[in-house]
N, C-alpha and C. Protein backbone atom coordinates (compact mmCIF):
# COMPACT_ATOMS: atom_id res chain seq x y z
N MET A 1 -6.38 28.39 12.20
CA MET A 1 -5.79 27.78 11.07
C MET A 1 -6.82 28.21 9.79
N THR A 2 -5.92 27.99 8.88
CA THR A 2 -7.00 28.76 7.70
C THR A 2 -7.47 27.87 6.98
N VAL A 3 -7.95 27.82 5.96
CA VAL A 3 -8.68 26.69 5.59
C VAL A 3 -8.02 26.34 4.57
N ALA A 4 -6.10 26.43 3.91
CA ALA A 4 -5.28 25.92 3.57
C ALA A 4 -4.84 24.50 4.41
N GLU A 5 -4.56 25.00 5.03
CA GLU A 5 -3.86 24.49 6.79
C GLU A 5 -4.70 23.19 6.85
N ARG A 6 -5.86 23.73 6.88
CA ARG A 6 -7.53 22.35 6.82
C ARG A 6 -6.98 21.68 6.33
N THR A 7 -6.97 22.21 4.90
CA THR A 7 -7.34 21.32 4.12
C THR A 7 -6.16 20.56 3.28
N ARG A 8 -5.25 20.50 4.21
CA ARG A 8 -3.72 20.00 4.17
C ARG A 8 -3.04 18.82 4.64
N ALA A 9 -3.95 19.80 6.13
CA ALA A 9 -4.38 18.05 7.27
C ALA A 9 -5.47 17.47 6.82
N ALA A 10 -6.28 17.23 6.04
CA ALA A 10 -7.02 16.84 5.58
C ALA A 10 -6.65 15.66 4.95
N ALA A 11 -6.22 16.40 3.70
CA ALA A 11 -5.80 15.49 2.56
C ALA A 11 -4.70 14.23 3.11
N ARG A 12 -3.93 14.47 3.96
CA ARG A 12 -2.83 14.36 4.85
C ARG A 12 -3.97 12.50 5.56
N ARG A 13 -5.16 13.00 5.93
CA ARG A 13 -5.43 11.47 6.79
C ARG A 13 -5.01 10.41 5.88
N ASP A 14 -6.16 11.17 4.35
CA ASP A 14 -6.26 10.03 3.28
C ASP A 14 -5.12 10.33 2.08
N PRO A 15 -4.29 8.92 2.39
CA PRO A 15 -2.66 9.05 1.57
C PRO A 15 -3.35 9.14 -0.03
N PHE A 16 -4.34 8.51 0.21
CA PHE A 16 -5.07 8.14 -0.99
C PHE A 16 -5.17 9.51 -2.37
N LEU A 17 -5.54 10.46 -1.66
CA LEU A 17 -5.92 11.54 -2.59
C LEU A 17 -4.06 12.02 -2.39
N VAL A 18 -3.83 12.30 -1.70
CA VAL A 18 -2.24 12.45 -2.04
C VAL A 18 -1.56 12.17 -3.12
N GLU A 19 -1.68 10.86 -3.66
CA GLU A 19 -1.08 10.06 -4.19
C GLU A 19 -1.87 10.81 -5.82
N ALA A 20 -3.11 10.76 -5.27
CA ALA A 20 -4.18 11.66 -6.53
C ALA A 20 -4.00 12.90 -7.21
N LEU A 21 -3.30 13.71 -5.76
CA LEU A 21 -3.06 15.06 -6.13
C LEU A 21 -1.43 15.24 -6.75
N ARG A 22 -0.74 13.95 -6.50
CA ARG A 22 0.22 14.21 -7.21
C ARG A 22 0.08 13.62 -8.74
N ALA A 23 -0.42 12.15 -9.19
CA ALA A 23 -0.44 11.86 -10.54
C ALA A 23 -1.39 12.77 -11.18
N GLY A 24 -1.52 14.08 -10.25
CA GLY A 24 -2.43 14.92 -11.63
C GLY A 24 -4.12 14.21 -12.21
N VAL A 25 -4.81 13.27 -10.63
CA VAL A 25 -5.94 12.55 -11.56
C VAL A 25 -7.45 12.28 -10.62
N VAL A 26 -7.13 14.24 -10.20
CA VAL A 26 -8.32 14.17 -8.64
C VAL A 26 -9.47 15.61 -9.23
N ASN A 27 -10.30 14.92 -8.97
CA ASN A 27 -11.96 15.75 -9.83
C ASN A 27 -11.68 17.06 -8.44
N TYR A 28 -11.01 18.18 -8.63
CA TYR A 28 -11.16 18.47 -6.66
C TYR A 28 -12.63 19.44 -6.52
N ALA A 29 -12.99 19.32 -7.45
CA ALA A 29 -14.15 19.88 -6.53
C ALA A 29 -15.09 18.24 -5.43
N ALA A 30 -14.81 17.71 -6.22
CA ALA A 30 -15.07 16.13 -5.24
C ALA A 30 -14.04 15.42 -4.72
N ALA A 31 -12.87 15.81 -4.79
CA ALA A 31 -11.92 16.01 -3.33
C ALA A 31 -12.29 16.72 -3.07
N ALA A 32 -12.98 17.88 -2.35
CA ALA A 32 -13.17 19.26 -1.43
C ALA A 32 -14.07 18.61 -0.95
N ARG A 33 -15.27 18.05 -1.33
CA ARG A 33 -16.26 17.75 -0.95
C ARG A 33 -16.55 16.10 0.33
N PHE A 34 -14.98 15.44 -0.38
CA PHE A 34 -14.43 14.33 0.49
C PHE A 34 -14.41 14.52 1.51
N LEU A 35 -13.28 15.49 1.57
CA LEU A 35 -12.56 16.20 2.77
C LEU A 35 -13.86 16.82 3.94
N ASP A 36 -14.50 17.32 3.29
CA ASP A 36 -15.94 18.04 4.24
C ASP A 36 -14.38 18.82 4.87
N VAL A 37 -13.76 20.34 4.38
CA VAL A 37 -14.05 20.77 5.71
C VAL A 37 -14.48 22.02 5.55
N ASP A 38 -14.24 22.36 6.67
CA ASP A 38 -15.22 23.72 6.99
C ASP A 38 -14.55 25.39 5.90
N GLY A 39 -15.53 25.05 5.23
CA GLY A 39 -15.16 26.41 4.98
C GLY A 39 -15.89 26.11 3.39
N GLU A 40 -15.90 27.14 3.03
CA GLU A 40 -16.47 27.69 1.29
C GLU A 40 -15.85 26.30 0.83
N THR A 41 -16.48 25.10 -0.51
CA THR A 41 -16.20 25.06 -1.39
C THR A 41 -14.82 25.03 -2.25
N GLU A 42 -15.34 26.20 -2.85
CA GLU A 42 -14.39 26.92 -3.32
C GLU A 42 -12.92 26.93 -3.09
N ALA A 43 -12.45 27.34 -1.90
CA ALA A 43 -11.37 27.76 -1.35
C ALA A 43 -11.11 26.38 -0.74
N VAL A 44 -11.68 25.05 -0.49
CA VAL A 44 -11.03 24.35 -0.43
C VAL A 44 -10.05 23.51 -1.42
N VAL A 45 -11.03 24.06 -2.90
CA VAL A 45 -10.39 23.76 -4.24
C VAL A 45 -9.33 24.05 -4.25
N ALA A 46 -9.32 25.18 -4.53
CA ALA A 46 -8.14 26.84 -4.87
C ALA A 46 -7.70 26.02 -3.69
N ALA A 47 -6.94 25.87 -2.48
CA ALA A 47 -6.50 25.15 -1.95
C ALA A 47 -5.88 23.76 -2.24
N LEU A 48 -6.65 22.39 -2.50
CA LEU A 48 -6.30 21.76 -3.16
C LEU A 48 -4.97 21.92 -4.13
N ARG A 49 -5.78 22.66 -5.31
CA ARG A 49 -4.97 23.07 -6.25
C ARG A 49 -3.85 23.44 -6.08
N ARG A 50 -3.60 23.98 -5.20
CA ARG A 50 -2.18 24.92 -4.47
C ARG A 50 -1.28 23.85 -4.17
N TYR A 51 -1.83 22.86 -3.31
CA TYR A 51 -1.49 21.94 -2.87
C TYR A 51 -0.30 20.95 -3.56
N ALA A 52 -1.45 20.77 -4.88
CA ALA A 52 -0.70 19.80 -5.74
C ALA A 52 -0.02 19.79 -6.77
N GLU A 53 0.07 21.35 -6.48
CA GLU A 53 1.34 22.20 -7.14
C GLU A 53 2.77 21.87 -6.33
N GLU A 54 2.34 22.19 -5.78
CA GLU A 54 4.37 21.88 -4.48
C GLU A 54 3.83 20.55 -4.10
N LEU A 55 3.32 19.43 -4.26
CA LEU A 55 3.71 18.08 -4.31
C LEU A 55 4.99 17.36 -5.61
N GLY A 56 4.90 17.10 -4.44
CA GLY A 56 6.56 16.16 -5.75
C GLY A 56 5.42 15.60 -6.46
N GLU A 57 6.04 15.34 -8.23
CA GLU A 57 5.14 13.91 -9.20
C GLU A 57 5.18 12.60 -8.48
N TYR A 58 3.85 12.36 -8.42
CA TYR A 58 4.17 11.04 -8.55
C TYR A 58 4.79 10.33 -9.61
N GLU A 59 5.68 9.13 -8.66
CA GLU A 59 5.91 8.01 -9.54
C GLU A 59 5.57 6.77 -8.92
N ALA A 60 5.74 6.51 -9.66
CA ALA A 60 5.03 5.33 -9.61
C ALA A 60 6.89 4.27 -9.23
N PRO A 61 6.44 3.04 -7.81
CA PRO A 61 7.38 2.74 -7.72
C PRO A 61 8.64 1.45 -8.68
N THR A 62 9.27 1.07 -8.76
CA THR A 62 9.37 0.69 -10.24
C THR A 62 10.73 -0.13 -9.20
N THR A 63 10.09 -1.93 -9.69
CA THR A 63 10.90 -2.58 -8.68
C THR A 63 10.91 -4.24 -10.33
N SER A 64 12.01 -5.12 -10.22
CA SER A 64 11.33 -6.13 -10.94
C SER A 64 11.95 -7.54 -10.01
N ALA A 65 11.85 -7.08 -8.25
CA ALA A 65 11.44 -8.80 -7.34
C ALA A 65 10.64 -9.12 -7.59
N PRO A 66 10.93 -10.65 -7.71
CA PRO A 66 10.82 -11.93 -9.06
C PRO A 66 9.78 -12.27 -7.10
N VAL A 67 8.66 -13.09 -7.11
CA VAL A 67 7.02 -12.56 -6.21
C VAL A 67 7.80 -14.34 -6.01
N SER A 68 7.74 -14.85 -4.69
CA SER A 68 7.51 -16.76 -4.76
C SER A 68 6.38 -16.13 -3.89
N MET A 69 5.58 -17.61 -4.05
CA MET A 69 4.20 -18.02 -2.77
C MET A 69 5.36 -19.32 -2.29
N GLU A 70 4.49 -19.59 -0.72
CA GLU A 70 5.30 -20.93 -0.24
C GLU A 70 3.62 -20.54 0.19
N SER A 71 2.63 -21.99 0.63
CA SER A 71 1.91 -22.32 1.29
C SER A 71 2.67 -23.21 2.75
N GLY A 72 1.85 -23.14 3.24
CA GLY A 72 1.98 -23.19 4.52
C GLY A 72 1.67 -22.89 5.81
N PHE A 73 1.77 -21.86 6.37
CA PHE A 73 2.39 -20.99 6.88
C PHE A 73 1.31 -20.83 7.96
N GLY A 74 1.76 -21.13 9.52
CA GLY A 74 0.78 -20.55 10.62
C GLY A 74 1.85 -19.79 12.09
N GLU A 75 0.67 -19.92 13.11
CA GLU A 75 1.70 -19.78 13.95
C GLU A 75 2.40 -20.59 14.81
N GLY A 76 4.20 -19.60 14.88
CA GLY A 76 4.65 -21.10 15.67
C GLY A 76 5.92 -20.12 16.30
N ASP A 77 7.08 -20.51 16.56
CA ASP A 77 8.51 -20.27 17.45
C ASP A 77 8.81 -19.29 16.68
N PRO A 78 8.91 -17.92 17.56
CA PRO A 78 9.52 -16.28 16.58
C PRO A 78 10.98 -16.48 16.08
N GLY A 79 11.69 -17.61 16.28
CA GLY A 79 13.17 -17.71 15.94
C GLY A 79 12.73 -18.29 14.66
N ASP A 80 12.12 -19.39 14.43
CA ASP A 80 11.70 -20.10 12.98
C ASP A 80 10.59 -18.89 12.06
N ALA A 81 10.68 -17.93 12.28
CA ALA A 81 8.92 -17.30 12.02
C ALA A 81 9.88 -16.71 10.42
N LEU A 82 9.21 -16.34 9.62
CA LEU A 82 9.54 -15.95 8.37
C LEU A 82 8.80 -13.82 8.81
N LEU A 83 7.95 -14.29 9.63
CA LEU A 83 7.35 -12.74 9.96
C LEU A 83 7.33 -12.49 11.57
N VAL A 84 7.53 -11.83 11.42
CA VAL A 84 7.35 -11.72 12.88
C VAL A 84 6.22 -9.97 13.22
N VAL A 85 5.28 -10.94 13.76
CA VAL A 85 4.02 -8.96 14.20
C VAL A 85 3.66 -9.18 15.70
N GLY A 86 4.05 -8.65 16.41
CA GLY A 86 3.61 -8.49 17.91
C GLY A 86 4.06 -9.98 18.14
N ASP A 87 2.81 -9.77 18.97
CA ASP A 87 2.88 -11.43 19.47
C ASP A 87 2.99 -12.43 18.05
N LEU A 88 2.48 -12.54 17.29
CA LEU A 88 2.32 -13.09 16.25
C LEU A 88 3.48 -13.90 15.09
N ALA A 89 4.24 -15.17 15.26
CA ALA A 89 5.05 -15.78 14.20
C ALA A 89 4.96 -16.31 13.17
N LEU A 90 4.70 -16.48 11.88
CA LEU A 90 4.13 -17.09 11.21
C LEU A 90 5.41 -17.47 11.21
N VAL A 91 5.44 -18.84 11.01
CA VAL A 91 6.47 -19.90 10.70
C VAL A 91 6.13 -21.26 9.21
N PRO A 92 6.84 -21.13 8.09
CA PRO A 92 6.14 -22.44 7.89
C PRO A 92 5.78 -24.11 8.18
N ASP A 93 5.12 -24.63 7.34
CA ASP A 93 4.90 -26.05 7.42
C ASP A 93 4.23 -26.07 9.39
N ALA A 94 3.20 -24.95 9.28
CA ALA A 94 2.04 -24.94 10.31
C ALA A 94 0.65 -24.13 10.76
N GLY A 95 0.57 -24.53 9.31
CA GLY A 95 -0.89 -23.58 8.97
C GLY A 95 -1.83 -24.07 8.02
N SER A 96 -2.66 -23.35 7.60
CA SER A 96 -2.52 -22.79 6.12
C SER A 96 -2.50 -21.58 5.65
N LEU A 97 -2.23 -20.54 5.74
CA LEU A 97 -1.45 -19.79 4.99
C LEU A 97 -0.63 -19.76 4.53
N THR A 98 -1.02 -18.56 3.50
CA THR A 98 0.11 -18.66 1.99
C THR A 98 0.79 -17.55 2.36
N ALA A 99 2.21 -18.02 1.91
CA ALA A 99 3.12 -16.17 1.97
C ALA A 99 3.91 -15.94 0.91
N LEU A 100 3.36 -14.96 0.74
CA LEU A 100 3.78 -14.16 -1.06
C LEU A 100 5.57 -13.22 -0.08
N VAL A 101 6.29 -13.83 -1.38
CA VAL A 101 7.87 -13.36 -0.62
C VAL A 101 8.49 -12.58 -2.71
N ALA A 102 8.86 -11.00 -1.93
CA ALA A 102 9.44 -10.62 -3.32
C ALA A 102 10.22 -10.36 -2.32
N ARG A 103 11.71 -10.61 -3.31
CA ARG A 103 12.94 -10.58 -2.88
C ARG A 103 13.50 -9.46 -4.11
N GLY A 104 14.81 -9.06 -3.75
CA GLY A 104 15.61 -8.14 -4.06
C GLY A 104 15.60 -6.41 -3.98
N ASP A 105 15.37 -5.54 -4.76
CA ASP A 105 15.31 -4.46 -4.85
C ASP A 105 13.73 -4.01 -4.02
N ALA A 106 12.60 -4.52 -2.71
CA ALA A 106 11.53 -3.70 -2.83
C ALA A 106 11.62 -2.98 -1.60
N GLY A 107 10.96 -2.05 -1.30
CA GLY A 107 11.14 -1.07 -0.43
C GLY A 107 9.31 -1.22 0.29
N PRO A 108 9.95 -0.13 1.08
CA PRO A 108 8.25 -0.07 1.81
C PRO A 108 7.43 1.02 1.11
N GLU A 109 8.16 1.31 -0.43
CA GLU A 109 6.58 2.05 -1.36
C GLU A 109 6.69 0.42 -2.19
N HIS A 110 6.78 -0.64 -1.66
CA HIS A 110 6.33 -1.64 -3.22
C HIS A 110 5.79 -1.89 -1.70
N LEU A 111 5.46 -1.89 -0.84
CA LEU A 111 4.72 -2.91 0.19
C LEU A 111 3.72 -1.86 -0.31
N ARG A 112 3.53 -0.82 -0.05
CA ARG A 112 2.35 0.10 0.12
C ARG A 112 1.79 0.30 -0.82
N ALA A 113 2.35 0.10 -2.46
CA ALA A 113 1.79 -0.63 -3.76
C ALA A 113 0.68 -2.21 -3.78
N ALA A 114 1.51 -2.74 -3.22
CA ALA A 114 1.07 -4.10 -2.98
C ALA A 114 0.37 -4.24 -2.69
N LEU A 115 -0.35 -3.91 -1.02
CA LEU A 115 -0.92 -3.77 0.42
C LEU A 115 -2.36 -2.78 -0.61
N GLY A 116 -2.13 -2.15 -1.55
CA GLY A 116 -3.24 -0.54 -2.30
C GLY A 116 -3.89 -1.81 -3.64
N ALA A 117 -3.12 -2.89 -3.85
CA ALA A 117 -3.27 -3.98 -5.14
C ALA A 117 -3.66 -4.91 -4.26
N LEU A 118 -3.67 -5.38 -3.54
CA LEU A 118 -4.08 -6.75 -2.82
C LEU A 118 -5.87 -5.86 -2.37
N ASP A 119 -5.90 -4.65 -1.55
CA ASP A 119 -7.07 -4.08 -1.35
C ASP A 119 -8.03 -4.62 -2.63
N ALA A 120 -7.61 -3.53 -3.01
CA ALA A 120 -8.38 -3.50 -4.73
C ALA A 120 -8.88 -4.91 -4.85
N ALA A 121 -8.22 -5.93 -5.06
CA ALA A 121 -8.00 -7.24 -5.63
C ALA A 121 -9.26 -7.89 -4.56
N ASP A 122 -9.82 -7.50 -3.07
CA ASP A 122 -10.20 -8.35 -2.28
C ASP A 122 -9.85 -9.12 -1.81
N VAL A 123 -8.40 -8.78 -1.48
CA VAL A 123 -7.30 -10.11 -0.83
C VAL A 123 -7.85 -9.37 0.47
N ASP A 124 -7.76 -10.30 1.43
CA ASP A 124 -7.40 -9.75 2.49
C ASP A 124 -6.21 -9.87 3.48
N VAL A 125 -4.85 -9.73 3.93
CA VAL A 125 -3.14 -10.23 4.27
C VAL A 125 -3.47 -10.15 5.68
N GLU A 126 -3.39 -11.53 6.23
CA GLU A 126 -3.75 -11.27 7.12
C GLU A 126 -1.92 -10.60 8.26
N ALA A 127 -1.42 -10.16 7.33
CA ALA A 127 0.24 -9.28 7.83
C ALA A 127 1.17 -9.73 6.85
N ALA A 128 2.04 -8.39 6.63
CA ALA A 128 2.90 -7.89 5.57
C ALA A 128 4.65 -7.24 6.47
N ALA A 129 5.19 -7.12 5.42
CA ALA A 129 6.43 -6.83 5.89
C ALA A 129 7.66 -6.36 5.59
N VAL A 130 8.54 -5.32 5.32
CA VAL A 130 9.45 -4.93 4.59
C VAL A 130 10.47 -4.68 5.49
N GLY A 131 11.64 -5.02 4.70
CA GLY A 131 12.89 -4.92 5.34
C GLY A 131 14.40 -5.37 4.12
N GLY A 132 15.44 -5.48 4.11
CA GLY A 132 16.32 -5.64 3.77
C GLY A 132 16.50 -6.36 2.20
N GLY A 133 15.55 -5.11 1.32
CA GLY A 133 15.19 -4.77 0.20
C GLY A 133 14.38 -6.53 0.02
N THR A 134 13.10 -6.94 1.40
CA THR A 134 12.27 -8.18 0.59
C THR A 134 11.05 -7.49 1.12
N ILE A 135 10.18 -7.94 0.35
CA ILE A 135 8.44 -7.68 1.10
C ILE A 135 7.78 -9.12 1.05
N ALA A 136 6.96 -9.27 2.07
CA ALA A 136 6.91 -10.30 2.70
C ALA A 136 5.13 -9.81 3.05
N ALA A 137 3.73 -10.80 2.86
CA ALA A 137 2.62 -10.71 2.67
C ALA A 137 1.78 -12.01 2.87
N VAL A 138 1.14 -12.27 3.90
CA VAL A 138 1.42 -13.44 4.03
C VAL A 138 -0.98 -13.43 4.29
N VAL A 139 -0.82 -14.65 3.21
CA VAL A 139 -3.07 -14.12 2.13
C VAL A 139 -3.36 -15.85 3.32
N GLY A 140 -4.85 -15.58 3.46
CA GLY A 140 -5.30 -16.88 3.34
C GLY A 140 -5.02 -18.24 2.53
N ARG A 141 -5.42 -19.31 2.31
CA ARG A 141 -4.40 -19.87 0.92
C ARG A 141 -5.91 -20.05 -0.60
N ARG A 142 -7.02 -19.88 0.17
CA ARG A 142 -7.39 -20.25 -1.13
C ARG A 142 -6.79 -18.21 -1.71
N ASP A 143 -6.53 -17.24 -1.30
CA ASP A 143 -6.18 -16.24 -1.86
C ASP A 143 -4.37 -16.26 -2.82
N GLY A 144 -4.13 -17.32 -2.26
CA GLY A 144 -2.71 -16.98 -2.71
C GLY A 144 -2.19 -16.84 -3.85
N PRO A 145 -3.20 -17.77 -4.62
CA PRO A 145 -3.30 -17.65 -5.89
C PRO A 145 -3.52 -16.11 -6.97
N ASP A 146 -4.30 -15.92 -6.87
CA ASP A 146 -5.46 -14.37 -6.81
C ASP A 146 -3.81 -13.31 -6.19
N ALA A 147 -3.11 -13.62 -5.19
CA ALA A 147 -2.72 -12.94 -4.67
C ALA A 147 -1.16 -12.79 -5.74
N LEU A 148 -0.53 -14.17 -5.82
CA LEU A 148 0.08 -14.24 -6.60
C LEU A 148 0.13 -13.27 -8.08
N ARG A 149 -0.90 -13.27 -8.66
CA ARG A 149 -1.17 -12.02 -9.63
C ARG A 149 -0.80 -11.44 -9.62
N VAL A 150 -1.13 -10.89 -8.15
CA VAL A 150 -1.59 -9.28 -8.43
C VAL A 150 -0.30 -8.65 -7.97
N LEU A 151 0.47 -9.30 -6.75
CA LEU A 151 2.76 -9.30 -6.63
C LEU A 151 2.62 -9.48 -7.70
N GLU A 152 3.09 -10.22 -8.97
CA GLU A 152 3.70 -10.15 -9.83
C GLU A 152 3.41 -9.01 -10.44
N GLU A 153 2.55 -8.58 -10.89
CA GLU A 153 1.76 -6.77 -11.46
C GLU A 153 2.16 -6.13 -10.88
N THR A 154 2.01 -5.96 -8.97
CA THR A 154 2.73 -4.46 -8.88
C THR A 154 4.28 -4.81 -8.50
N VAL A 155 4.80 -5.32 -8.32
CA VAL A 155 5.76 -5.62 -7.44
C VAL A 155 7.20 -6.83 -8.43
N GLY A 156 6.38 -7.63 -9.45
CA GLY A 156 7.43 -8.81 -10.21
C GLY A 156 7.79 -7.75 -11.05
N ARG A 157 7.23 -6.83 -11.43
CA ARG A 157 7.70 -6.05 -13.38
C ARG A 157 8.47 -4.82 -13.01
N ASP A 158 9.10 -4.50 -13.46
CA ASP A 158 9.42 -2.68 -13.56
C ASP A 158 8.22 -2.39 -14.58
N ARG A 159 7.86 -1.20 -13.86
CA ARG A 159 7.50 -0.37 -14.66
C ARG A 159 7.11 0.95 -14.92
N SER A 160 8.91 0.68 -14.98
CA SER A 160 9.69 2.37 -15.12
C SER A 160 9.32 2.04 -17.10
């Protein structure tokens, strides 16, 4: 495997770096050190530059899906659930968790952006899902208001 192939593989393991390459906001030398690809730093830098040129330009996901917040979610019957992930079914009126839901034209790219923004805001997400133009994220009760503000800024407005 060439240095370029190893560099691309390493970058794909860290999707934030690929997004930064698309956005053109990367310090290539720092990225090369971060990736720690066997080879000379200069060769990895060159491989990252070529890779960035081949990637499509970064486009922030746009939508204006309104975000709502509902408290009182907890574990329950999957038939009544807002969200089911594995053996976890989160239903209303069953606990102390808060659900945030954006309905409209939200898709996987919006969920990815929302989860990244929640992580940056230090909000722990208990569960999340996307489907049918809707994204849902469930957080602890105390994180609900902060999560609502973050999601309104992330998916509740059109950033185009």
